[in-house]
N, C-alpha and C. Protein backbone atom coordinates (compact mmCIF):
# COMPACT_ATOMS: atom_id res chain seq x y z
N UNK A 1 -42.75 1.42 -68.23
CA UNK A 1 -42.21 2.32 -67.38
C UNK A 1 -43.45 2.72 -66.42
N UNK A 2 -43.31 2.60 -65.11
CA UNK A 2 -44.26 2.91 -64.09
C UNK A 2 -44.01 4.28 -63.39
N UNK A 3 -45.13 4.92 -63.37
CA UNK A 3 -45.03 6.21 -62.86
C UNK A 3 -45.21 6.01 -61.26
N UNK A 4 -44.46 6.95 -60.48
CA UNK A 4 -44.43 6.92 -59.06
C UNK A 4 -45.50 7.86 -58.69
N UNK A 5 -45.97 7.35 -57.44
CA UNK A 5 -47.12 8.38 -56.88
C UNK A 5 -46.58 9.23 -56.18
N UNK A 6 -47.21 10.43 -56.08
CA UNK A 6 -46.71 11.52 -55.33
C UNK A 6 -46.93 11.39 -53.85
N UNK A 7 -46.36 12.13 -52.85
CA UNK A 7 -46.67 11.97 -51.49
C UNK A 7 -47.91 12.86 -51.22
N UNK A 8 -48.81 12.31 -50.43
CA UNK A 8 -49.88 13.18 -50.15
C UNK A 8 -49.50 14.19 -49.06
N UNK A 9 -50.05 15.42 -49.28
CA UNK A 9 -49.89 16.59 -48.33
C UNK A 9 -50.53 16.27 -47.06
N UNK A 10 -49.95 16.70 -45.89
CA UNK A 10 -50.65 16.55 -44.63
C UNK A 10 -51.79 17.41 -44.62
N UNK A 11 -52.94 16.78 -44.06
CA UNK A 11 -54.30 17.54 -44.08
C UNK A 11 -54.17 18.21 -42.60
N UNK A 12 -54.99 19.41 -42.59
CA UNK A 12 -54.94 20.05 -41.38
C UNK A 12 -55.78 19.06 -40.36
N UNK A 13 -55.32 19.26 -39.10
CA UNK A 13 -56.07 18.60 -38.28
C UNK A 13 -57.63 18.97 -37.77
N UNK A 14 -58.47 18.30 -37.81
CA UNK A 14 -59.84 18.72 -37.62
C UNK A 14 -60.03 19.10 -36.16
N UNK A 15 -60.54 20.48 -36.08
CA UNK A 15 -60.79 21.04 -34.78
C UNK A 15 -62.15 21.13 -34.36
N UNK A 16 -62.49 21.22 -33.12
CA UNK A 16 -63.90 21.28 -32.67
C UNK A 16 -64.51 22.45 -33.24
N UNK A 17 -65.85 22.28 -33.33
CA UNK A 17 -66.51 23.49 -34.08
C UNK A 17 -66.33 24.79 -33.09
N UNK A 18 -66.42 24.53 -31.69
CA UNK A 18 -66.54 25.75 -30.85
C UNK A 18 -65.11 26.03 -30.41
N UNK A 19 -64.01 25.46 -30.76
CA UNK A 19 -62.75 25.62 -30.25
C UNK A 19 -62.28 27.12 -30.42
N UNK A 20 -61.49 27.59 -29.49
CA UNK A 20 -60.97 28.94 -29.67
C UNK A 20 -59.86 28.95 -30.49
N UNK A 21 -59.42 29.97 -31.29
CA UNK A 21 -58.42 30.09 -32.14
C UNK A 21 -57.08 29.80 -31.22
N UNK A 22 -56.13 29.25 -31.96
CA UNK A 22 -54.85 29.05 -31.43
C UNK A 22 -54.01 30.29 -31.21
N UNK A 23 -53.65 30.56 -30.08
CA UNK A 23 -52.83 31.82 -29.83
C UNK A 23 -51.39 31.63 -30.43
N UNK A 24 -50.94 32.73 -30.95
CA UNK A 24 -49.61 32.60 -31.53
C UNK A 24 -48.64 32.65 -30.23
N UNK A 25 -47.39 32.04 -30.48
CA UNK A 25 -46.40 31.83 -29.38
C UNK A 25 -46.02 33.18 -29.06
N UNK A 26 -45.83 33.65 -27.70
CA UNK A 26 -45.45 34.74 -27.28
C UNK A 26 -43.89 35.07 -27.53
N UNK A 27 -43.61 36.29 -28.02
CA UNK A 27 -42.09 36.35 -28.26
C UNK A 27 -41.43 36.25 -26.95
N UNK A 28 -40.16 35.71 -27.12
CA UNK A 28 -39.22 35.54 -25.72
C UNK A 28 -38.69 36.75 -25.66
N UNK A 29 -38.59 37.33 -24.27
CA UNK A 29 -37.80 38.43 -24.02
C UNK A 29 -36.22 38.41 -24.51
N UNK A 30 -35.72 39.43 -24.79
CA UNK A 30 -34.26 39.42 -25.26
C UNK A 30 -33.45 39.33 -24.06
N UNK A 31 -32.35 38.44 -24.15
CA UNK A 31 -31.65 38.34 -22.99
C UNK A 31 -30.11 38.38 -23.68
N UNK A 32 -29.35 39.25 -23.18
CA UNK A 32 -28.12 39.41 -23.81
C UNK A 32 -27.22 38.12 -23.41
N UNK A 33 -26.32 37.67 -24.08
CA UNK A 33 -25.43 36.48 -23.82
C UNK A 33 -24.46 37.08 -22.99
N UNK A 34 -23.95 36.18 -22.16
CA UNK A 34 -22.84 36.54 -21.20
C UNK A 34 -21.55 36.66 -22.04
N UNK A 35 -20.76 37.49 -21.78
CA UNK A 35 -19.45 37.52 -22.61
C UNK A 35 -18.50 36.66 -22.04
N UNK A 36 -17.67 36.14 -22.82
CA UNK A 36 -16.56 35.03 -22.41
C UNK A 36 -15.63 35.67 -21.51
N UNK A 37 -15.40 34.89 -20.43
CA UNK A 37 -14.34 35.52 -19.49
C UNK A 37 -13.00 35.32 -20.10
N UNK A 38 -12.00 36.12 -19.48
CA UNK A 38 -10.83 35.91 -19.97
C UNK A 38 -10.17 34.51 -19.94
N UNK A 39 -9.48 33.97 -20.88
CA UNK A 39 -9.05 32.62 -20.94
C UNK A 39 -8.07 32.31 -19.79
N UNK A 40 -8.34 31.27 -19.13
CA UNK A 40 -7.55 30.71 -18.09
C UNK A 40 -6.32 30.16 -18.83
N UNK A 41 -5.15 30.03 -18.15
CA UNK A 41 -4.06 29.24 -18.70
C UNK A 41 -4.41 27.93 -18.91
N UNK A 42 -3.94 27.24 -19.96
CA UNK A 42 -4.30 25.90 -20.28
C UNK A 42 -3.86 24.99 -19.23
N UNK A 43 -4.73 23.96 -18.99
CA UNK A 43 -4.24 22.98 -17.83
C UNK A 43 -3.23 22.06 -18.38
N UNK A 44 -2.20 21.66 -17.67
CA UNK A 44 -1.21 20.82 -18.13
C UNK A 44 -1.80 19.51 -18.72
N UNK A 45 -1.29 19.05 -19.77
CA UNK A 45 -1.85 17.79 -20.28
C UNK A 45 -1.47 16.57 -19.45
N UNK A 46 -2.50 15.71 -19.53
CA UNK A 46 -2.38 14.50 -18.72
C UNK A 46 -1.59 13.48 -19.64
N UNK A 47 -0.26 13.37 -19.59
CA UNK A 47 0.30 12.49 -20.35
C UNK A 47 0.59 11.21 -19.69
N UNK A 48 1.10 10.17 -20.31
CA UNK A 48 1.43 9.03 -19.70
C UNK A 48 2.73 9.09 -18.93
N UNK A 49 3.60 9.89 -19.32
CA UNK A 49 4.88 10.21 -18.57
C UNK A 49 4.49 10.85 -17.32
N UNK A 50 3.61 11.88 -17.23
CA UNK A 50 3.29 12.64 -16.21
C UNK A 50 2.60 11.55 -15.24
N UNK A 51 1.71 10.64 -15.59
CA UNK A 51 1.08 9.70 -14.67
C UNK A 51 2.04 8.75 -14.12
N UNK A 52 2.97 8.32 -14.99
CA UNK A 52 3.99 7.38 -14.47
C UNK A 52 4.81 8.03 -13.29
N UNK A 53 5.30 9.42 -13.51
CA UNK A 53 6.10 10.05 -12.61
C UNK A 53 5.23 10.21 -11.32
N UNK A 54 3.94 10.48 -11.45
CA UNK A 54 3.17 10.68 -10.21
C UNK A 54 3.17 9.13 -9.39
N UNK A 55 2.82 8.20 -10.12
CA UNK A 55 2.95 6.82 -9.63
C UNK A 55 4.33 6.56 -8.86
N UNK A 56 5.26 6.83 -9.54
CA UNK A 56 6.71 6.51 -8.87
C UNK A 56 6.89 7.42 -7.71
N UNK A 57 6.35 8.81 -7.74
CA UNK A 57 6.32 9.49 -6.50
C UNK A 57 5.75 8.93 -5.38
N UNK A 58 4.38 8.39 -5.69
CA UNK A 58 3.70 7.55 -4.61
C UNK A 58 4.44 6.57 -3.92
N UNK A 59 5.15 5.71 -4.82
CA UNK A 59 5.82 4.65 -4.31
C UNK A 59 7.08 5.20 -3.47
N UNK A 60 7.72 6.09 -3.84
CA UNK A 60 8.91 6.81 -3.11
C UNK A 60 8.24 7.34 -1.73
N UNK A 61 7.37 8.00 -1.92
CA UNK A 61 6.72 8.52 -0.51
C UNK A 61 6.28 7.41 0.26
N UNK A 62 5.70 6.25 -0.01
CA UNK A 62 5.62 5.23 0.72
C UNK A 62 6.77 4.64 1.40
N UNK A 63 7.92 4.51 0.57
CA UNK A 63 9.12 3.98 1.07
C UNK A 63 9.60 4.94 2.16
N UNK A 64 9.48 6.28 1.87
CA UNK A 64 9.94 7.38 2.89
C UNK A 64 9.18 7.22 4.31
N UNK A 65 7.93 7.16 4.01
CA UNK A 65 6.87 7.11 5.18
C UNK A 65 7.32 5.74 6.11
N UNK A 66 7.40 4.77 5.27
CA UNK A 66 7.51 3.33 5.82
C UNK A 66 8.99 3.30 6.54
N UNK A 67 9.88 3.90 6.22
CA UNK A 67 11.13 3.92 6.94
C UNK A 67 11.17 4.68 8.13
N UNK A 68 10.43 5.99 8.04
CA UNK A 68 10.24 6.62 9.38
C UNK A 68 9.52 5.92 10.40
N UNK A 69 8.25 5.17 9.92
CA UNK A 69 7.61 4.38 10.95
C UNK A 69 8.47 3.19 11.52
N UNK A 70 9.22 2.61 10.66
CA UNK A 70 10.13 1.53 11.06
C UNK A 70 11.11 1.89 12.15
N UNK A 71 11.66 3.16 12.09
CA UNK A 71 12.42 3.69 13.10
C UNK A 71 11.74 4.10 14.34
N UNK A 72 10.49 4.28 14.15
CA UNK A 72 9.73 4.44 15.53
C UNK A 72 9.47 3.19 16.20
N UNK A 73 9.69 2.06 15.49
CA UNK A 73 9.50 0.76 16.26
C UNK A 73 8.26 0.02 15.69
N UNK A 74 7.49 0.64 14.73
CA UNK A 74 6.50 -0.14 14.22
C UNK A 74 6.60 -1.54 13.66
N UNK A 75 5.69 -2.53 13.74
CA UNK A 75 5.94 -3.64 13.06
C UNK A 75 5.86 -3.57 11.55
N UNK A 76 6.77 -4.21 10.68
CA UNK A 76 6.83 -4.16 9.40
C UNK A 76 5.34 -4.47 8.72
N UNK A 77 4.61 -5.58 9.16
CA UNK A 77 3.44 -5.80 8.56
C UNK A 77 2.38 -4.86 8.80
N UNK A 78 2.30 -4.19 9.99
CA UNK A 78 1.44 -3.20 10.28
C UNK A 78 1.73 -1.95 9.32
N UNK A 79 2.94 -1.51 9.17
CA UNK A 79 3.33 -0.41 8.29
C UNK A 79 2.87 -0.79 6.95
N UNK A 80 3.20 -1.87 6.35
CA UNK A 80 2.79 -2.26 4.97
C UNK A 80 1.33 -2.22 4.87
N UNK A 81 0.62 -2.74 5.70
CA UNK A 81 -0.76 -2.87 5.70
C UNK A 81 -1.57 -1.44 5.70
N UNK A 82 -1.01 -0.68 6.67
CA UNK A 82 -1.59 0.72 6.74
C UNK A 82 -1.34 1.47 5.41
N UNK A 83 -0.17 1.49 4.86
CA UNK A 83 0.24 2.09 3.78
C UNK A 83 -0.51 1.62 2.58
N UNK A 84 -0.72 0.28 2.51
CA UNK A 84 -1.64 -0.17 1.21
C UNK A 84 -3.04 0.39 1.52
N UNK A 85 -3.47 0.34 2.75
CA UNK A 85 -4.89 0.87 2.80
C UNK A 85 -5.07 2.36 2.47
N UNK A 86 -4.04 2.99 2.92
CA UNK A 86 -3.96 4.54 2.75
C UNK A 86 -3.94 4.84 1.21
N UNK A 87 -3.05 4.13 0.53
CA UNK A 87 -2.96 4.36 -0.86
C UNK A 87 -4.22 4.00 -1.71
N UNK A 88 -4.76 2.85 -1.30
CA UNK A 88 -6.00 2.43 -1.95
C UNK A 88 -7.27 3.28 -1.79
N UNK A 89 -7.30 4.01 -0.56
CA UNK A 89 -8.37 4.92 -0.31
C UNK A 89 -8.20 6.19 -1.09
N UNK A 90 -7.00 6.75 -0.91
CA UNK A 90 -6.71 8.02 -1.76
C UNK A 90 -6.63 7.62 -3.15
N UNK A 91 -6.53 6.67 -3.72
CA UNK A 91 -6.80 6.42 -5.31
C UNK A 91 -8.27 6.15 -5.57
N UNK A 92 -9.01 5.60 -4.71
CA UNK A 92 -10.35 5.36 -4.98
C UNK A 92 -11.19 6.52 -4.73
N UNK A 93 -11.03 7.22 -3.87
CA UNK A 93 -11.97 8.27 -3.45
C UNK A 93 -11.65 9.64 -4.09
N UNK A 94 -10.55 9.81 -4.64
CA UNK A 94 -10.14 11.03 -5.13
C UNK A 94 -10.79 11.33 -6.51
N UNK A 95 -11.07 12.68 -6.98
CA UNK A 95 -11.35 12.97 -8.35
C UNK A 95 -10.24 13.47 -9.20
N UNK A 96 -9.15 13.96 -8.41
CA UNK A 96 -8.02 14.40 -8.91
C UNK A 96 -7.08 13.32 -9.55
N UNK A 97 -6.73 13.31 -10.85
CA UNK A 97 -5.85 12.34 -11.28
C UNK A 97 -4.54 12.16 -10.81
N UNK A 98 -4.01 13.35 -10.26
CA UNK A 98 -2.75 13.40 -9.68
C UNK A 98 -2.70 12.56 -8.47
N UNK A 99 -3.73 12.69 -7.47
CA UNK A 99 -3.90 12.03 -6.35
C UNK A 99 -4.16 10.52 -6.67
N UNK A 100 -5.01 10.32 -7.54
CA UNK A 100 -5.26 8.88 -7.88
C UNK A 100 -3.96 8.09 -8.27
N UNK A 101 -3.13 8.92 -9.11
CA UNK A 101 -1.87 8.30 -9.39
C UNK A 101 -0.90 7.94 -8.21
N UNK A 102 -0.83 9.04 -7.45
CA UNK A 102 0.11 8.92 -6.26
C UNK A 102 -0.44 7.89 -5.38
N UNK A 103 -1.78 7.68 -5.16
CA UNK A 103 -2.42 6.71 -4.49
C UNK A 103 -2.14 5.25 -4.84
N UNK A 104 -2.22 5.17 -6.31
CA UNK A 104 -1.96 3.88 -6.85
C UNK A 104 -0.52 3.52 -6.69
N UNK A 105 0.51 4.43 -6.79
CA UNK A 105 1.82 4.05 -6.58
C UNK A 105 2.09 3.54 -5.12
N UNK A 106 1.39 4.46 -4.15
CA UNK A 106 1.77 3.97 -2.75
C UNK A 106 0.96 2.66 -2.44
N UNK A 107 -0.12 2.37 -2.92
CA UNK A 107 -0.84 1.10 -2.75
C UNK A 107 0.07 0.02 -3.27
N UNK A 108 0.66 0.05 -4.62
CA UNK A 108 1.38 -0.95 -5.12
C UNK A 108 2.66 -1.27 -4.46
N UNK A 109 3.37 -0.16 -4.09
CA UNK A 109 4.57 -0.22 -3.20
C UNK A 109 4.43 -1.07 -2.06
N UNK A 110 3.42 -0.52 -1.18
CA UNK A 110 3.22 -1.12 0.05
C UNK A 110 2.55 -2.41 0.01
N UNK A 111 1.71 -2.75 -1.02
CA UNK A 111 1.01 -4.10 -1.34
C UNK A 111 2.12 -5.09 -1.43
N UNK A 112 3.13 -4.74 -2.23
CA UNK A 112 4.23 -5.75 -2.63
C UNK A 112 4.97 -5.99 -1.44
N UNK A 113 5.26 -5.04 -0.58
CA UNK A 113 6.14 -5.20 0.60
C UNK A 113 5.40 -6.21 1.56
N UNK A 114 3.85 -5.95 1.75
CA UNK A 114 3.01 -6.83 2.56
C UNK A 114 3.24 -8.21 2.02
N UNK A 115 2.94 -8.41 0.58
CA UNK A 115 2.87 -9.79 0.14
C UNK A 115 4.31 -10.48 0.30
N UNK A 116 5.49 -9.68 0.25
CA UNK A 116 6.71 -10.29 0.53
C UNK A 116 6.74 -10.76 2.07
N UNK A 117 6.36 -9.94 2.93
CA UNK A 117 6.33 -10.22 4.40
C UNK A 117 5.40 -11.50 4.73
N UNK A 118 4.37 -11.45 3.98
CA UNK A 118 3.48 -12.63 4.28
C UNK A 118 4.00 -13.95 3.73
N UNK A 119 4.65 -14.00 2.55
CA UNK A 119 5.30 -15.01 2.09
C UNK A 119 6.47 -15.56 2.88
N UNK A 120 7.14 -14.56 3.28
CA UNK A 120 8.53 -14.79 4.12
C UNK A 120 8.33 -15.62 5.38
N UNK A 121 7.10 -15.38 6.03
CA UNK A 121 6.68 -15.91 7.14
C UNK A 121 6.32 -17.46 7.05
N UNK A 122 5.87 -17.93 5.80
CA UNK A 122 5.54 -19.26 5.49
C UNK A 122 6.60 -20.25 5.44
N UNK A 123 7.82 -19.68 5.15
CA UNK A 123 9.03 -20.64 4.92
C UNK A 123 9.47 -21.19 6.25
N UNK A 124 9.34 -20.47 7.49
CA UNK A 124 9.80 -20.92 8.58
C UNK A 124 8.74 -21.73 9.39
N UNK A 125 8.93 -23.07 9.28
CA UNK A 125 7.68 -23.92 9.90
C UNK A 125 8.10 -24.24 11.35
N UNK A 126 9.50 -24.38 11.36
CA UNK A 126 9.89 -24.70 12.88
C UNK A 126 10.45 -23.50 13.48
N UNK A 127 10.08 -23.23 14.87
CA UNK A 127 10.60 -22.01 15.54
C UNK A 127 11.99 -22.24 15.76
N UNK A 128 12.68 -21.10 15.69
CA UNK A 128 14.28 -21.19 15.90
C UNK A 128 14.58 -21.94 17.17
N UNK A 129 15.69 -22.59 17.38
CA UNK A 129 16.07 -23.36 18.57
C UNK A 129 16.52 -22.25 19.52
N UNK A 130 16.22 -22.67 20.86
CA UNK A 130 16.63 -21.85 21.96
C UNK A 130 18.13 -21.80 22.09
N UNK A 131 18.60 -20.47 22.38
CA UNK A 131 19.96 -20.34 22.49
C UNK A 131 20.51 -21.15 23.63
N UNK A 132 21.73 -21.65 23.45
CA UNK A 132 22.42 -22.50 24.46
C UNK A 132 22.91 -21.50 25.52
N UNK A 133 23.15 -22.08 26.66
CA UNK A 133 23.67 -21.04 27.90
C UNK A 133 25.03 -20.54 27.52
N UNK A 134 25.79 -21.45 26.85
CA UNK A 134 27.15 -20.76 26.37
C UNK A 134 27.00 -19.79 25.49
N UNK A 135 25.93 -19.63 24.64
CA UNK A 135 25.74 -18.55 23.69
C UNK A 135 25.18 -17.21 24.22
N UNK A 136 24.98 -17.14 25.59
CA UNK A 136 24.44 -15.92 26.04
C UNK A 136 25.51 -15.01 26.67
N UNK A 137 26.78 -15.51 26.58
CA UNK A 137 27.85 -14.66 27.29
C UNK A 137 27.75 -14.26 28.75
N UNK A 138 27.03 -15.29 29.44
CA UNK A 138 26.81 -15.12 30.88
C UNK A 138 26.78 -16.54 31.48
N UNK A 139 27.47 -16.70 32.63
CA UNK A 139 27.28 -17.90 33.33
C UNK A 139 26.25 -17.89 34.54
N UNK A 140 25.62 -19.07 34.78
CA UNK A 140 24.80 -18.95 35.91
C UNK A 140 25.65 -18.67 37.24
N UNK A 141 25.10 -18.10 38.22
CA UNK A 141 25.82 -17.84 39.52
C UNK A 141 26.32 -19.09 40.26
N UNK A 142 27.56 -19.14 40.60
CA UNK A 142 28.20 -20.30 41.23
C UNK A 142 28.72 -21.25 40.43
N UNK A 143 28.56 -21.21 38.92
CA UNK A 143 29.06 -22.44 38.13
C UNK A 143 30.55 -22.25 38.00
N UNK A 144 31.19 -20.89 38.07
CA UNK A 144 32.61 -20.81 37.98
C UNK A 144 33.31 -21.49 39.30
N UNK A 145 32.75 -21.14 40.38
CA UNK A 145 33.19 -21.74 41.70
C UNK A 145 33.19 -23.26 41.56
N UNK A 146 32.24 -23.73 41.23
CA UNK A 146 32.06 -25.25 41.26
C UNK A 146 32.96 -25.92 40.10
N UNK A 147 33.14 -25.16 39.08
CA UNK A 147 34.15 -25.82 38.05
C UNK A 147 35.60 -25.69 38.68
N UNK A 148 36.06 -24.72 39.33
CA UNK A 148 37.33 -24.52 40.02
C UNK A 148 37.46 -25.79 41.00
N UNK A 149 36.51 -26.00 41.80
CA UNK A 149 36.50 -27.05 42.92
C UNK A 149 36.54 -28.38 42.21
N UNK A 150 35.80 -28.72 41.21
CA UNK A 150 35.98 -29.86 40.34
C UNK A 150 37.34 -30.21 40.05
N UNK A 151 37.88 -29.06 39.46
CA UNK A 151 39.25 -29.27 38.85
C UNK A 151 40.27 -29.57 39.93
N UNK A 152 40.17 -28.82 41.21
CA UNK A 152 41.01 -29.05 42.22
C UNK A 152 40.95 -30.52 42.80
N UNK A 153 39.68 -31.00 42.86
CA UNK A 153 39.53 -32.34 43.42
C UNK A 153 40.21 -33.35 42.49
N UNK A 154 39.98 -33.23 41.16
CA UNK A 154 40.66 -34.08 40.17
C UNK A 154 42.07 -34.04 40.19
N UNK A 155 42.56 -32.84 40.46
CA UNK A 155 44.13 -32.75 40.57
C UNK A 155 44.67 -33.50 41.70
N UNK A 156 43.95 -33.30 43.01
CA UNK A 156 44.39 -34.12 44.14
C UNK A 156 44.27 -35.43 44.05
N UNK A 157 43.26 -35.91 43.21
CA UNK A 157 43.20 -37.40 43.18
C UNK A 157 44.28 -37.87 42.21
N UNK A 158 44.61 -37.19 41.25
CA UNK A 158 45.60 -37.62 40.32
C UNK A 158 46.95 -37.47 41.07
N UNK A 159 47.23 -36.61 41.99
CA UNK A 159 48.56 -36.63 42.54
C UNK A 159 48.64 -37.70 43.57
N UNK A 160 47.59 -38.07 44.34
CA UNK A 160 47.46 -39.25 45.29
C UNK A 160 47.85 -40.43 44.37
N UNK A 161 47.19 -40.65 43.26
CA UNK A 161 47.40 -41.78 42.59
C UNK A 161 48.83 -41.88 42.08
N UNK A 162 49.66 -40.85 41.73
CA UNK A 162 50.92 -40.86 41.28
C UNK A 162 51.77 -41.27 42.35
N UNK A 163 51.49 -40.82 43.60
CA UNK A 163 52.38 -41.17 44.70
C UNK A 163 52.15 -42.61 45.01
N UNK A 164 51.15 -43.12 45.07
CA UNK A 164 50.74 -44.55 45.49
C UNK A 164 51.54 -45.41 44.52
N UNK A 165 51.24 -45.18 43.13
CA UNK A 165 51.83 -46.10 42.27
C UNK A 165 53.30 -45.93 41.97
N UNK A 166 53.91 -44.78 42.20
CA UNK A 166 55.42 -44.52 42.23
C UNK A 166 56.07 -45.28 43.22
N UNK A 167 55.48 -45.68 44.47
CA UNK A 167 56.18 -46.30 45.59
C UNK A 167 56.19 -47.82 45.04
N UNK A 168 55.29 -48.40 44.43
CA UNK A 168 54.98 -49.60 44.02
C UNK A 168 56.17 -50.09 43.18
N UNK A 169 56.65 -49.16 42.45
CA UNK A 169 57.56 -49.54 41.22
C UNK A 169 59.01 -49.72 41.75
C-alpha cells in the first residue's frame, strides 16, 4: 500500500522589503434594491397556430390590396412585384414577430402570383393573329355601296344573257 502525498499549502507571496501594507477593501455604501414593479399582464404566447393565422392574414391582405390596385388599372406583374417587395421588407426589417409573419404571408402570396404571371407569358411564343376586318363589326367607308354596285352589274349581265339565249332557242 502506497501512501498519498498531501497537497502543499500555498505560500504567501514574497513582498518587497519597503512595500506599504495592503489596505483593506473599503466597504461599499449601502444601496437599497429597487422594489419590483406591479406585474404586467402576461404577453400572449407565440404559438404555431397564432403565427399561422398571422401568415394567412398577410396573404389575405395582399389579395385585397392587389384587387384594389387591379381595379385602378395597374399592371398585374407590377402589382405582384410591389407586394412581394413590400412583404419581404416588412418581414426582414421588423422586430415584432406579428409583423414578420404578416410580411411573410404577403411576400409568399404575391411571390406566387408573380411566378405564375412570369410562367404564363412563356407559353405564348407567337403573337396572336390580327383580327380580320369582318371581326371588327365595322365596314370600311364605301364598301357597302361598291358591293351593291357589283351585285347590280352582275344581275344586269345575267338578265342580258337570259334574253339573248332565250331568242336563239
